N, C-alpha and C. Protein backbone atom coordinates (compact mmCIF):
# COMPACT_ATOMS: atom_id res chain seq x y z
N UNK A 1 108.98 66.24 60.39
CA UNK A 1 110.13 67.13 60.35
C UNK A 1 111.26 66.45 59.57
N UNK A 2 111.90 67.22 58.72
CA UNK A 2 112.95 66.70 57.86
C UNK A 2 114.30 66.74 58.56
N UNK A 3 115.09 65.69 58.40
CA UNK A 3 116.42 65.63 59.00
C UNK A 3 117.39 66.48 58.17
N UNK A 4 118.17 67.32 58.86
CA UNK A 4 119.09 68.20 58.17
C UNK A 4 120.39 67.46 57.85
N UNK A 5 120.87 67.62 56.63
CA UNK A 5 122.11 66.98 56.22
C UNK A 5 123.32 67.71 56.80
N UNK A 6 124.32 66.95 57.22
CA UNK A 6 125.56 67.50 57.70
C UNK A 6 126.55 67.53 56.55
N UNK A 7 127.13 68.70 56.23
CA UNK A 7 128.08 68.75 55.12
C UNK A 7 129.35 67.97 55.47
N UNK A 8 129.78 67.11 54.56
CA UNK A 8 130.98 66.31 54.75
C UNK A 8 132.09 66.82 53.84
N UNK A 9 133.32 66.74 54.32
CA UNK A 9 134.48 67.11 53.54
C UNK A 9 135.54 66.02 53.71
N UNK A 10 136.45 65.93 52.76
CA UNK A 10 137.49 64.91 52.78
C UNK A 10 138.81 65.51 53.24
N UNK A 11 139.42 64.88 54.23
CA UNK A 11 140.73 65.30 54.73
C UNK A 11 141.78 64.92 53.68
N UNK A 12 142.70 65.85 53.36
CA UNK A 12 143.70 65.56 52.34
C UNK A 12 144.79 64.62 52.84
N UNK A 13 144.89 64.44 54.14
CA UNK A 13 145.91 63.56 54.71
C UNK A 13 145.39 62.15 54.91
N UNK A 14 144.25 62.02 55.58
CA UNK A 14 143.73 60.69 55.92
C UNK A 14 142.75 60.16 54.89
N UNK A 15 142.28 61.02 53.98
CA UNK A 15 141.27 60.65 52.97
C UNK A 15 139.96 60.15 53.59
N UNK A 16 139.66 60.61 54.80
CA UNK A 16 138.42 60.26 55.47
C UNK A 16 137.39 61.37 55.27
N UNK A 17 136.15 60.97 55.07
CA UNK A 17 135.06 61.93 55.00
C UNK A 17 134.59 62.21 56.43
N UNK A 18 134.61 63.48 56.80
CA UNK A 18 134.21 63.89 58.15
C UNK A 18 133.31 65.11 58.06
N UNK A 19 132.53 65.37 59.11
CA UNK A 19 131.75 66.61 59.11
C UNK A 19 132.66 67.83 59.00
N UNK A 20 132.20 68.80 58.28
CA UNK A 20 132.99 70.00 57.99
C UNK A 20 133.51 70.68 59.26
N UNK A 21 132.72 70.67 60.32
CA UNK A 21 133.10 71.35 61.55
C UNK A 21 134.24 70.66 62.29
N UNK A 22 134.52 69.39 61.97
CA UNK A 22 135.61 68.67 62.63
C UNK A 22 136.96 68.88 61.94
N UNK A 23 136.95 69.54 60.80
CA UNK A 23 138.17 69.74 60.02
C UNK A 23 138.57 71.20 60.02
N UNK A 24 139.84 71.46 59.69
CA UNK A 24 140.34 72.82 59.56
C UNK A 24 140.51 73.09 58.07
N UNK A 25 140.04 74.25 57.63
CA UNK A 25 140.16 74.62 56.22
C UNK A 25 141.38 75.52 56.05
N UNK A 26 142.23 75.15 55.11
CA UNK A 26 143.37 75.96 54.73
C UNK A 26 143.06 76.49 53.34
N UNK A 27 143.27 77.78 53.11
CA UNK A 27 142.85 78.40 51.86
C UNK A 27 144.00 79.18 51.23
N UNK A 28 144.08 79.12 49.89
CA UNK A 28 145.02 79.91 49.11
C UNK A 28 144.23 81.04 48.46
N UNK A 29 144.65 82.29 48.68
CA UNK A 29 143.93 83.41 48.10
C UNK A 29 144.50 83.76 46.72
N UNK A 30 144.02 84.83 46.13
CA UNK A 30 144.43 85.22 44.78
C UNK A 30 145.91 85.60 44.70
N UNK A 31 146.50 85.98 45.82
CA UNK A 31 147.92 86.35 45.86
C UNK A 31 148.82 85.17 46.20
N UNK A 32 148.29 83.96 46.15
CA UNK A 32 149.03 82.72 46.49
C UNK A 32 149.50 82.69 47.94
N UNK A 33 148.79 83.38 48.81
CA UNK A 33 149.09 83.34 50.25
C UNK A 33 148.18 82.30 50.88
N UNK A 34 148.76 81.37 51.63
CA UNK A 34 148.00 80.30 52.27
C UNK A 34 147.81 80.64 53.73
N UNK A 35 146.56 80.48 54.21
CA UNK A 35 146.25 80.78 55.61
C UNK A 35 145.15 79.85 56.10
N UNK A 36 144.97 79.86 57.42
CA UNK A 36 143.91 79.08 58.04
C UNK A 36 142.63 79.89 57.93
N UNK A 37 141.54 79.19 57.62
CA UNK A 37 140.24 79.84 57.46
C UNK A 37 139.29 79.33 58.54
N UNK A 38 139.25 79.97 59.71
CA UNK A 38 138.39 79.48 60.78
C UNK A 38 136.90 79.57 60.47
N UNK A 39 136.51 80.53 59.63
CA UNK A 39 135.10 80.68 59.30
C UNK A 39 134.66 79.70 58.23
N UNK A 40 135.59 79.23 57.40
CA UNK A 40 135.25 78.32 56.32
C UNK A 40 134.59 79.00 55.14
N UNK A 41 134.69 80.34 55.07
CA UNK A 41 133.99 81.09 54.03
C UNK A 41 134.88 82.02 53.22
N UNK A 42 136.18 81.99 53.44
CA UNK A 42 137.07 82.86 52.68
C UNK A 42 137.08 82.46 51.21
N UNK A 43 137.30 83.44 50.35
CA UNK A 43 137.42 83.17 48.93
C UNK A 43 138.77 82.52 48.65
N UNK A 44 138.79 81.60 47.71
CA UNK A 44 140.04 80.97 47.30
C UNK A 44 139.91 79.46 47.30
N UNK A 45 140.97 78.81 46.86
CA UNK A 45 141.00 77.36 46.80
C UNK A 45 141.28 76.82 48.19
N UNK A 46 140.47 75.90 48.64
CA UNK A 46 140.60 75.39 50.00
C UNK A 46 140.93 73.91 50.05
N UNK A 47 141.49 73.51 51.18
CA UNK A 47 141.77 72.11 51.47
C UNK A 47 141.46 71.88 52.94
N UNK A 48 140.96 70.70 53.26
CA UNK A 48 140.57 70.39 54.63
C UNK A 48 141.53 69.37 55.24
N UNK A 49 141.86 69.59 56.52
CA UNK A 49 142.80 68.73 57.24
C UNK A 49 142.22 68.41 58.61
N UNK A 50 142.36 67.15 59.02
CA UNK A 50 141.97 66.75 60.36
C UNK A 50 142.82 67.49 61.37
N UNK A 51 142.18 67.98 62.42
CA UNK A 51 142.91 68.78 63.42
C UNK A 51 143.60 67.85 64.42
N UNK A 52 144.79 67.38 64.03
CA UNK A 52 145.61 66.58 64.93
C UNK A 52 147.07 66.81 64.57
N UNK A 53 147.96 66.72 65.56
CA UNK A 53 149.39 66.92 65.28
C UNK A 53 149.93 65.92 64.25
N UNK A 54 149.43 64.69 64.28
CA UNK A 54 149.90 63.67 63.34
C UNK A 54 149.54 64.04 61.90
N UNK A 55 148.35 64.57 61.70
CA UNK A 55 147.93 64.96 60.36
C UNK A 55 148.79 66.10 59.82
N UNK A 56 149.06 67.08 60.66
CA UNK A 56 149.88 68.20 60.22
C UNK A 56 151.32 67.76 59.95
N UNK A 57 151.83 66.83 60.75
CA UNK A 57 153.19 66.31 60.53
C UNK A 57 153.27 65.57 59.20
N UNK A 58 152.29 64.71 58.92
CA UNK A 58 152.26 63.97 57.66
C UNK A 58 152.10 64.93 56.48
N UNK A 59 151.25 65.93 56.64
CA UNK A 59 151.04 66.91 55.58
C UNK A 59 152.35 67.63 55.26
N UNK A 60 153.12 67.97 56.28
CA UNK A 60 154.40 68.66 56.07
C UNK A 60 155.43 67.73 55.43
N UNK A 61 155.54 66.50 55.93
CA UNK A 61 156.55 65.56 55.41
C UNK A 61 156.32 65.23 53.94
N UNK A 62 155.06 65.04 53.56
CA UNK A 62 154.74 64.65 52.18
C UNK A 62 154.44 65.85 51.29
N UNK A 63 154.47 67.05 51.85
CA UNK A 63 154.18 68.29 51.12
C UNK A 63 152.83 68.21 50.41
N UNK A 64 151.83 67.69 51.10
CA UNK A 64 150.50 67.49 50.53
C UNK A 64 149.78 68.79 50.22
N UNK A 65 149.96 69.78 51.05
CA UNK A 65 149.24 71.03 50.87
C UNK A 65 149.68 71.75 49.59
N UNK A 66 150.96 71.68 49.27
CA UNK A 66 151.45 72.29 48.03
C UNK A 66 150.77 71.66 46.82
N UNK A 67 150.60 70.37 46.87
CA UNK A 67 149.99 69.66 45.75
C UNK A 67 148.50 70.00 45.62
N UNK A 68 147.79 70.06 46.74
CA UNK A 68 146.35 70.31 46.69
C UNK A 68 146.01 71.76 46.37
N UNK A 69 146.80 72.69 46.89
CA UNK A 69 146.51 74.11 46.65
C UNK A 69 147.27 74.67 45.45
N UNK A 70 148.11 73.85 44.84
CA UNK A 70 148.85 74.24 43.64
C UNK A 70 149.69 75.50 43.87
N UNK A 71 150.44 75.46 44.96
CA UNK A 71 151.35 76.56 45.30
C UNK A 71 152.53 75.95 46.07
N UNK A 72 153.73 76.52 45.92
CA UNK A 72 154.91 76.00 46.60
C UNK A 72 154.99 76.57 48.01
N UNK A 73 155.06 75.69 49.02
CA UNK A 73 155.16 76.10 50.41
C UNK A 73 156.51 75.70 50.99
N UNK A 74 157.05 76.54 51.84
CA UNK A 74 158.32 76.25 52.50
C UNK A 74 158.05 75.65 53.88
N UNK A 75 159.12 75.22 54.54
CA UNK A 75 158.99 74.68 55.90
C UNK A 75 158.48 75.75 56.85
N UNK A 76 158.89 77.01 56.63
CA UNK A 76 158.42 78.11 57.48
C UNK A 76 156.92 78.33 57.30
N UNK A 77 156.43 78.17 56.06
CA UNK A 77 154.99 78.30 55.82
C UNK A 77 154.21 77.24 56.60
N UNK A 78 154.71 76.01 56.59
CA UNK A 78 154.03 74.95 57.33
C UNK A 78 154.03 75.23 58.83
N UNK A 79 155.14 75.73 59.35
CA UNK A 79 155.20 76.07 60.78
C UNK A 79 154.19 77.17 61.11
N UNK A 80 154.10 78.18 60.25
CA UNK A 80 153.14 79.27 60.47
C UNK A 80 151.71 78.76 60.45
N UNK A 81 151.41 77.86 59.52
CA UNK A 81 150.06 77.30 59.43
C UNK A 81 149.71 76.46 60.65
N UNK A 82 150.68 75.72 61.16
CA UNK A 82 150.45 74.93 62.37
C UNK A 82 150.14 75.85 63.54
N UNK A 83 150.91 76.95 63.67
CA UNK A 83 150.66 77.92 64.74
C UNK A 83 149.29 78.58 64.58
N UNK A 84 148.94 78.95 63.35
CA UNK A 84 147.64 79.58 63.10
C UNK A 84 146.49 78.63 63.42
N UNK A 85 146.67 77.35 63.12
CA UNK A 85 145.60 76.38 63.39
C UNK A 85 145.40 76.21 64.89
N UNK A 86 146.48 76.27 65.66
CA UNK A 86 146.36 76.18 67.12
C UNK A 86 145.61 77.38 67.66
N UNK A 87 145.90 78.56 67.12
CA UNK A 87 145.20 79.79 67.55
C UNK A 87 143.71 79.73 67.17
N UNK A 88 143.42 79.23 65.98
CA UNK A 88 142.04 79.20 65.49
C UNK A 88 141.19 78.20 66.26
N UNK A 89 141.79 77.16 66.80
CA UNK A 89 141.03 76.14 67.51
C UNK A 89 140.67 76.56 68.94
N UNK A 90 141.24 77.64 69.41
CA UNK A 90 140.94 78.10 70.78
C UNK A 90 139.61 78.75 70.89
């Protein structure tokens, strides 16, 4: 029996390679709207973040998501994404 490979993704904050299921995917759609993608299958440019308050705080302070998704995000956008990620993890 062949061993199945686990897909790995890199967190944009910690630069650690982790299994895809341990990370949260944030995606920018064609209208430049950024949202949490709980399914991991939405169309658009995506970025993965470790699901921890420290990672989200660092991401907000350094404005990492704007750089990776190539879109300008405000403080309110980051707050909304943090709230959406909490809802998606339930």
